[in-house]
């Protein structure tokens, strides 16, 4: 269970950061749409993924008992 929480949290955080970076680069490049989605929507999805990653890693800390 702990390895699933650890890898899931890391993966969600990494995907979120990549989405945020891609949306910022696209927006700075003057594109409002990217892949059929607004860049603001991609930014919001990235923020949500990072939040899920933080939640999973916090859950892992609780499961381990603070060790």
PDB file of N, CA and C in Angstrom:
ATOM      1  N   UNK A   1       0.831  -1.199   0.000  1.00  0.00           N
ATOM      2  CA  UNK A   1       0.000   0.000   0.000  1.00  0.00           C
ATOM      3  C   UNK A   1       0.873   1.260   0.000  1.00  0.00           C
ATOM      4  N   UNK A   2       1.936   1.231   0.801  1.00  0.00           N
ATOM      5  CA  UNK A   2       2.769   2.434   0.890  1.00  0.00           C
ATOM      6  C   UNK A   2       3.489   2.716  -0.423  1.00  0.00           C
ATOM      7  N   UNK A   3       3.888   1.656  -1.131  1.00  0.00           N
ATOM      8  CA  UNK A   3       4.576   1.902  -2.407  1.00  0.00           C
ATOM      9  C   UNK A   3       3.616   2.475  -3.447  1.00  0.00           C
ATOM     10  N   UNK A   4       2.351   2.071  -3.382  1.00  0.00           N
ATOM     11  CA  UNK A   4       1.349   2.620  -4.305  1.00  0.00           C
ATOM     12  C   UNK A   4       1.134   4.102  -4.015  1.00  0.00           C
ATOM     13  N   UNK A   5       1.032   4.453  -2.732  1.00  0.00           N
ATOM     14  CA  UNK A   5       0.841   5.858  -2.372  1.00  0.00           C
ATOM     15  C   UNK A   5       2.062   6.691  -2.763  1.00  0.00           C
ATOM     16  N   UNK A   6       3.251   6.138  -2.528  1.00  0.00           N
ATOM     17  CA  UNK A   6       4.471   6.873  -2.857  1.00  0.00           C
ATOM     18  C   UNK A   6       4.586   7.102  -4.356  1.00  0.00           C
ATOM     19  N   UNK A   7       4.487   6.052  -5.133  1.00  0.00           N
ATOM     20  CA  UNK A   7       4.629   6.182  -6.596  1.00  0.00           C
ATOM     21  C   UNK A   7       3.465   6.979  -7.193  1.00  0.00           C
ATOM     22  N   UNK A   8       2.270   6.783  -6.676  1.00  0.00           N
ATOM     23  CA  UNK A   8       1.121   7.549  -7.174  1.00  0.00           C
ATOM     24  C   UNK A   8       1.265   9.029  -6.898  1.00  0.00           C
ATOM     25  N   UNK A   9       1.726   9.373  -5.696  1.00  0.00           N
ATOM     26  CA  UNK A   9       1.938  10.775  -5.348  1.00  0.00           C
ATOM     27  C   UNK A   9       3.027  11.414  -6.184  1.00  0.00           C
ATOM     28  N   UNK A  10       4.111  10.669  -6.386  1.00  0.00           N
ATOM     29  CA  UNK A  10       5.197  11.189  -7.207  1.00  0.00           C
ATOM     30  C   UNK A  10       4.759  11.367  -8.655  1.00  0.00           C
ATOM     31  N   UNK A  11       4.035  10.392  -9.178  1.00  0.00           N
ATOM     32  CA  UNK A  11       3.585  10.470 -10.567  1.00  0.00           C
ATOM     33  C   UNK A  11       2.586  11.606 -10.771  1.00  0.00           C
ATOM     34  N   UNK A  12       1.641  11.737  -9.850  1.00  0.00           N
ATOM     35  CA  UNK A  12       0.654  12.811  -9.968  1.00  0.00           C
ATOM     36  C   UNK A  12       1.329  14.179  -9.895  1.00  0.00           C
ATOM     37  N   UNK A  13       2.285  14.329  -8.998  1.00  0.00           N
ATOM     38  CA  UNK A  13       3.005  15.588  -8.886  1.00  0.00           C
ATOM     39  C   UNK A  13       3.808  15.909 -10.133  1.00  0.00           C
ATOM     40  N   UNK A  14       4.471  14.896 -10.676  1.00  0.00           N
ATOM     41  CA  UNK A  14       5.270  15.105 -11.885  1.00  0.00           C
ATOM     42  C   UNK A  14       4.394  15.477 -13.079  1.00  0.00           C
ATOM     43  N   UNK A  15       3.286  14.771 -13.247  1.00  0.00           N
ATOM     44  CA  UNK A  15       2.362  15.085 -14.350  1.00  0.00           C
ATOM     45  C   UNK A  15       1.800  16.488 -14.172  1.00  0.00           C
ATOM     46  N   UNK A  16       1.465  16.847 -12.948  1.00  0.00           N
ATOM     47  CA  UNK A  16       0.947  18.186 -12.686  1.00  0.00           C
ATOM     48  C   UNK A  16       1.941  19.276 -13.013  1.00  0.00           C
ATOM     49  N   UNK A  17       3.177  19.093 -12.599  1.00  0.00           N
ATOM     50  CA  UNK A  17       4.211  20.087 -12.891  1.00  0.00           C
ATOM     51  C   UNK A  17       4.442  20.198 -14.392  1.00  0.00           C
ATOM     52  N   UNK A  18       4.451  19.065 -15.085  1.00  0.00           N
ATOM     53  CA  UNK A  18       4.625  19.106 -16.545  1.00  0.00           C
ATOM     54  C   UNK A  18       3.463  19.833 -17.219  1.00  0.00           C
ATOM     55  N   UNK A  19       2.241  19.593 -16.770  1.00  0.00           N
ATOM     56  CA  UNK A  19       1.087  20.304 -17.340  1.00  0.00           C
ATOM     57  C   UNK A  19       1.190  21.804 -17.102  1.00  0.00           C
ATOM     58  N   UNK A  20       1.600  22.185 -15.915  1.00  0.00           N
ATOM     59  CA  UNK A  20       1.734  23.610 -15.604  1.00  0.00           C
ATOM     60  C   UNK A  20       2.801  24.245 -16.490  1.00  0.00           C
ATOM     61  N   UNK A  21       3.945  23.583 -16.625  1.00  0.00           N
ATOM     62  CA  UNK A  21       5.037  24.135 -17.436  1.00  0.00           C
ATOM     63  C   UNK A  21       4.616  24.261 -18.902  1.00  0.00           C
ATOM     64  N   UNK A  22       3.955  23.233 -19.431  1.00  0.00           N
ATOM     65  CA  UNK A  22       3.512  23.275 -20.829  1.00  0.00           C
ATOM     66  C   UNK A  22       2.505  24.400 -21.044  1.00  0.00           C
ATOM     67  N   UNK A  23       1.566  24.549 -20.113  1.00  0.00           N
ATOM     68  CA  UNK A  23       0.562  25.597 -20.289  1.00  0.00           C
ATOM     69  C   UNK A  23       1.168  26.991 -20.182  1.00  0.00           C
ATOM     70  N   UNK A  24       2.135  27.174 -19.294  1.00  0.00           N
ATOM     71  CA  UNK A  24       2.780  28.485 -19.159  1.00  0.00           C
ATOM     72  C   UNK A  24       3.592  28.813 -20.414  1.00  0.00           C
ATOM     73  N   UNK A  25       4.337  27.832 -20.916  1.00  0.00           N
ATOM     74  CA  UNK A  25       5.130  28.065 -22.124  1.00  0.00           C
ATOM     75  C   UNK A  25       4.226  28.372 -23.314  1.00  0.00           C
ATOM     76  N   UNK A  26       3.119  27.630 -23.441  1.00  0.00           N
ATOM     77  CA  UNK A  26       2.196  27.881 -24.549  1.00  0.00           C
ATOM     78  C   UNK A  26       1.571  29.271 -24.442  1.00  0.00           C
ATOM     79  N   UNK A  27       1.198  29.651 -23.219  1.00  0.00           N
ATOM     80  CA  UNK A  27       0.566  30.961 -23.037  1.00  0.00           C
ATOM     81  C   UNK A  27       1.547  32.091 -23.295  1.00  0.00           C
ATOM     82  N   UNK A  28       2.787  31.915 -22.849  1.00  0.00           N
ATOM     83  CA  UNK A  28       3.800  32.944 -23.124  1.00  0.00           C
ATOM     84  C   UNK A  28       4.127  33.020 -24.608  1.00  0.00           C
ATOM     85  N   UNK A  29       3.905  31.911 -25.312  1.00  0.00           N
ATOM     86  CA  UNK A  29       4.112  31.899 -26.756  1.00  0.00           C
ATOM     87  C   UNK A  29       2.955  32.503 -27.527  1.00  0.00           C
ATOM     88  N   UNK A  30       1.906  32.919 -26.842  1.00  0.00           N
ATOM     89  CA  UNK A  30       0.783  33.584 -27.489  1.00  0.00           C
ATOM     90  C   UNK A  30      -0.363  32.672 -27.861  1.00  0.00           C
ATOM     91  N   UNK A  31      -0.311  31.420 -27.459  1.00  0.00           N
ATOM     92  CA  UNK A  31      -1.394  30.490 -27.785  1.00  0.00           C
ATOM     93  C   UNK A  31      -2.411  30.465 -26.647  1.00  0.00           C
ATOM     94  N   UNK A  32      -3.671  30.624 -27.014  1.00  0.00           N
ATOM     95  CA  UNK A  32      -4.738  30.528 -26.031  1.00  0.00           C
ATOM     96  C   UNK A  32      -5.281  29.104 -25.951  1.00  0.00           C
ATOM     97  N   UNK A  33      -5.114  28.337 -27.012  1.00  0.00           N
ATOM     98  CA  UNK A  33      -5.603  26.960 -27.075  1.00  0.00           C
ATOM     99  C   UNK A  33      -4.428  26.031 -27.356  1.00  0.00           C
ATOM    100  N   UNK A  34      -4.467  24.860 -26.754  1.00  0.00           N
ATOM    101  CA  UNK A  34      -3.420  23.866 -26.954  1.00  0.00           C
ATOM    102  C   UNK A  34      -4.064  22.486 -26.891  1.00  0.00           C
ATOM    103  N   UNK A  35      -4.048  21.793 -28.003  1.00  0.00           N
ATOM    104  CA  UNK A  35      -4.636  20.462 -28.050  1.00  0.00           C
ATOM    105  C   UNK A  35      -6.137  20.454 -27.833  1.00  0.00           C
ATOM    106  N   UNK A  36      -6.810  21.520 -28.209  1.00  0.00           N
ATOM    107  CA  UNK A  36      -8.256  21.593 -28.044  1.00  0.00           C
ATOM    108  C   UNK A  36      -8.696  22.093 -26.674  1.00  0.00           C
ATOM    109  N   UNK A  37      -7.742  22.394 -25.801  1.00  0.00           N
ATOM    110  CA  UNK A  37      -8.059  22.894 -24.466  1.00  0.00           C
ATOM    111  C   UNK A  37      -7.478  24.284 -24.292  1.00  0.00           C
ATOM    112  N   UNK A  38      -8.159  25.113 -23.520  1.00  0.00           N
ATOM    113  CA  UNK A  38      -7.631  26.433 -23.192  1.00  0.00           C
ATOM    114  C   UNK A  38      -6.427  26.260 -22.270  1.00  0.00           C
ATOM    115  N   UNK A  39      -5.456  27.143 -22.401  1.00  0.00           N
ATOM    116  CA  UNK A  39      -4.256  27.017 -21.577  1.00  0.00           C
ATOM    117  C   UNK A  39      -4.578  27.187 -20.089  1.00  0.00           C
ATOM    118  N   UNK A  40      -5.583  27.968 -19.777  1.00  0.00           N
ATOM    119  CA  UNK A  40      -6.008  28.111 -18.380  1.00  0.00           C
ATOM    120  C   UNK A  40      -6.565  26.815 -17.822  1.00  0.00           C
ATOM    121  N   UNK A  41      -7.257  26.060 -18.664  1.00  0.00           N
ATOM    122  CA  UNK A  41      -7.779  24.765 -18.251  1.00  0.00           C
ATOM    123  C   UNK A  41      -6.648  23.787 -17.990  1.00  0.00           C
ATOM    124  N   UNK A  42      -5.619  23.807 -18.837  1.00  0.00           N
ATOM    125  CA  UNK A  42      -4.463  22.947 -18.613  1.00  0.00           C
ATOM    126  C   UNK A  42      -3.732  23.330 -17.329  1.00  0.00           C
ATOM    127  N   UNK A  43      -3.648  24.619 -17.055  1.00  0.00           N
ATOM    128  CA  UNK A  43      -3.028  25.078 -15.814  1.00  0.00           C
ATOM    129  C   UNK A  43      -3.812  24.572 -14.605  1.00  0.00           C
ATOM    130  N   UNK A  44      -5.121  24.666 -14.688  1.00  0.00           N
ATOM    131  CA  UNK A  44      -5.977  24.202 -13.599  1.00  0.00           C
ATOM    132  C   UNK A  44      -5.863  22.695 -13.399  1.00  0.00           C
ATOM    133  N   UNK A  45      -5.763  21.953 -14.489  1.00  0.00           N
ATOM    134  CA  UNK A  45      -5.578  20.498 -14.388  1.00  0.00           C
ATOM    135  C   UNK A  45      -4.232  20.183 -13.736  1.00  0.00           C
ATOM    136  N   UNK A  46      -3.208  20.945 -14.060  1.00  0.00           N
ATOM    137  CA  UNK A  46      -1.902  20.752 -13.446  1.00  0.00           C
ATOM    138  C   UNK A  46      -1.926  21.031 -11.953  1.00  0.00           C
ATOM    139  N   UNK A  47      -2.615  22.085 -11.564  1.00  0.00           N
ATOM    140  CA  UNK A  47      -2.739  22.415 -10.144  1.00  0.00           C
ATOM    141  C   UNK A  47      -3.494  21.305  -9.415  1.00  0.00           C
ATOM    142  N   UNK A  48      -4.525  20.783 -10.051  1.00  0.00           N
ATOM    143  CA  UNK A  48      -5.276  19.682  -9.447  1.00  0.00           C
ATOM    144  C   UNK A  48      -4.428  18.434  -9.288  1.00  0.00           C
ATOM    145  N   UNK A  49      -3.606  18.126 -10.284  1.00  0.00           N
ATOM    146  CA  UNK A  49      -2.743  16.944 -10.211  1.00  0.00           C
ATOM    147  C   UNK A  49      -1.699  17.099  -9.111  1.00  0.00           C
ATOM    148  N   UNK A  50      -1.129  18.283  -8.975  1.00  0.00           N
ATOM    149  CA  UNK A  50      -0.169  18.521  -7.898  1.00  0.00           C
ATOM    150  C   UNK A  50      -0.858  18.385  -6.544  1.00  0.00           C
ATOM    151  N   UNK A  51      -2.085  18.865  -6.435  1.00  0.00           N
ATOM    152  CA  UNK A  51      -2.838  18.737  -5.187  1.00  0.00           C
ATOM    153  C   UNK A  51      -3.100  17.276  -4.847  1.00  0.00           C
ATOM    154  N   UNK A  52      -3.456  16.468  -5.839  1.00  0.00           N
ATOM    155  CA  UNK A  52      -3.668  15.041  -5.614  1.00  0.00           C
ATOM    156  C   UNK A  52      -2.366  14.379  -5.173  1.00  0.00           C
ATOM    157  N   UNK A  53      -1.263  14.750  -5.800  1.00  0.00           N
ATOM    158  CA  UNK A  53       0.031  14.217  -5.408  1.00  0.00           C
ATOM    159  C   UNK A  53       0.381  14.551  -3.970  1.00  0.00           C
ATOM    160  N   UNK A  54       0.122  15.778  -3.559  1.00  0.00           N
ATOM    161  CA  UNK A  54       0.370  16.179  -2.177  1.00  0.00           C
ATOM    162  C   UNK A  54      -0.514  15.397  -1.211  1.00  0.00           C
ATOM    163  N   UNK A  55      -1.765  15.195  -1.572  1.00  0.00           N
ATOM    164  CA  UNK A  55      -2.676  14.433  -0.732  1.00  0.00           C
ATOM    165  C   UNK A  55      -2.202  12.997  -0.568  1.00  0.00           C
ATOM    166  N   UNK A  56      -1.761  12.367  -1.666  1.00  0.00           N
ATOM    167  CA  UNK A  56      -1.299  10.983  -1.589  1.00  0.00           C
ATOM    168  C   UNK A  56      -0.034  10.860  -0.737  1.00  0.00           C
ATOM    169  N   UNK A  57       0.875  11.801  -0.868  1.00  0.00           N
ATOM    170  CA  UNK A  57       2.088  11.760  -0.066  1.00  0.00           C
ATOM    171  C   UNK A  57       1.786  12.040   1.409  1.00  0.00           C
ATOM    172  N   UNK A  58       0.828  12.893   1.692  1.00  0.00           N
ATOM    173  CA  UNK A  58       0.407  13.122   3.071  1.00  0.00           C
ATOM    174  C   UNK A  58      -0.230  11.867   3.649  1.00  0.00           C
ATOM    175  N   UNK A  59      -1.035  11.189   2.851  1.00  0.00           N
ATOM    176  CA  UNK A  59      -1.653   9.941   3.270  1.00  0.00           C
ATOM    177  C   UNK A  59      -0.575   8.904   3.591  1.00  0.00           C
ATOM    178  N   UNK A  60       0.486   8.881   2.781  1.00  0.00           N
ATOM    179  CA  UNK A  60       1.604   7.978   3.027  1.00  0.00           C
ATOM    180  C   UNK A  60       2.253   8.266   4.368  1.00  0.00           C
ATOM    181  N   UNK A  61       2.453   9.536   4.682  1.00  0.00           N
ATOM    182  CA  UNK A  61       3.047   9.896   5.975  1.00  0.00           C
ATOM    183  C   UNK A  61       2.170   9.441   7.132  1.00  0.00           C
ATOM    184  N   UNK A  62       0.866   9.548   6.974  1.00  0.00           N
ATOM    185  CA  UNK A  62      -0.048   9.122   8.022  1.00  0.00           C
ATOM    186  C   UNK A  62      -0.010   7.595   8.169  1.00  0.00           C
ATOM    187  N   UNK A  63       0.052   6.884   7.050  1.00  0.00           N
ATOM    188  CA  UNK A  63       0.114   5.415   7.085  1.00  0.00           C
ATOM    189  C   UNK A  63       1.374   4.932   7.781  1.00  0.00           C
ATOM    190  N   UNK A  64       2.484   5.616   7.557  1.00  0.00           N
ATOM    191  CA  UNK A  64       3.755   5.206   8.167  1.00  0.00           C
ATOM    192  C   UNK A  64       3.818   5.581   9.639  1.00  0.00           C
ATOM    193  N   UNK A  65       2.902   6.383  10.117  1.00  0.00           N
ATOM    194  CA  UNK A  65       2.899   6.771  11.518  1.00  0.00           C
ATOM    195  C   UNK A  65       3.917   7.845  11.859  1.00  0.00           C
ATOM    196  N   UNK A  66       4.280   8.641  10.885  1.00  0.00           N
ATOM    197  CA  UNK A  66       5.220   9.729  11.132  1.00  0.00           C
ATOM    198  C   UNK A  66       6.672   9.294  11.188  1.00  0.00           C
ATOM    199  N   UNK A  67       6.966   8.060  10.799  1.00  0.00           N
ATOM    200  CA  UNK A  67       8.356   7.554  10.834  1.00  0.00           C
ATOM    201  C   UNK A  67       9.158   8.095   9.693  1.00  0.00           C
TER     202      UNK A  67
END
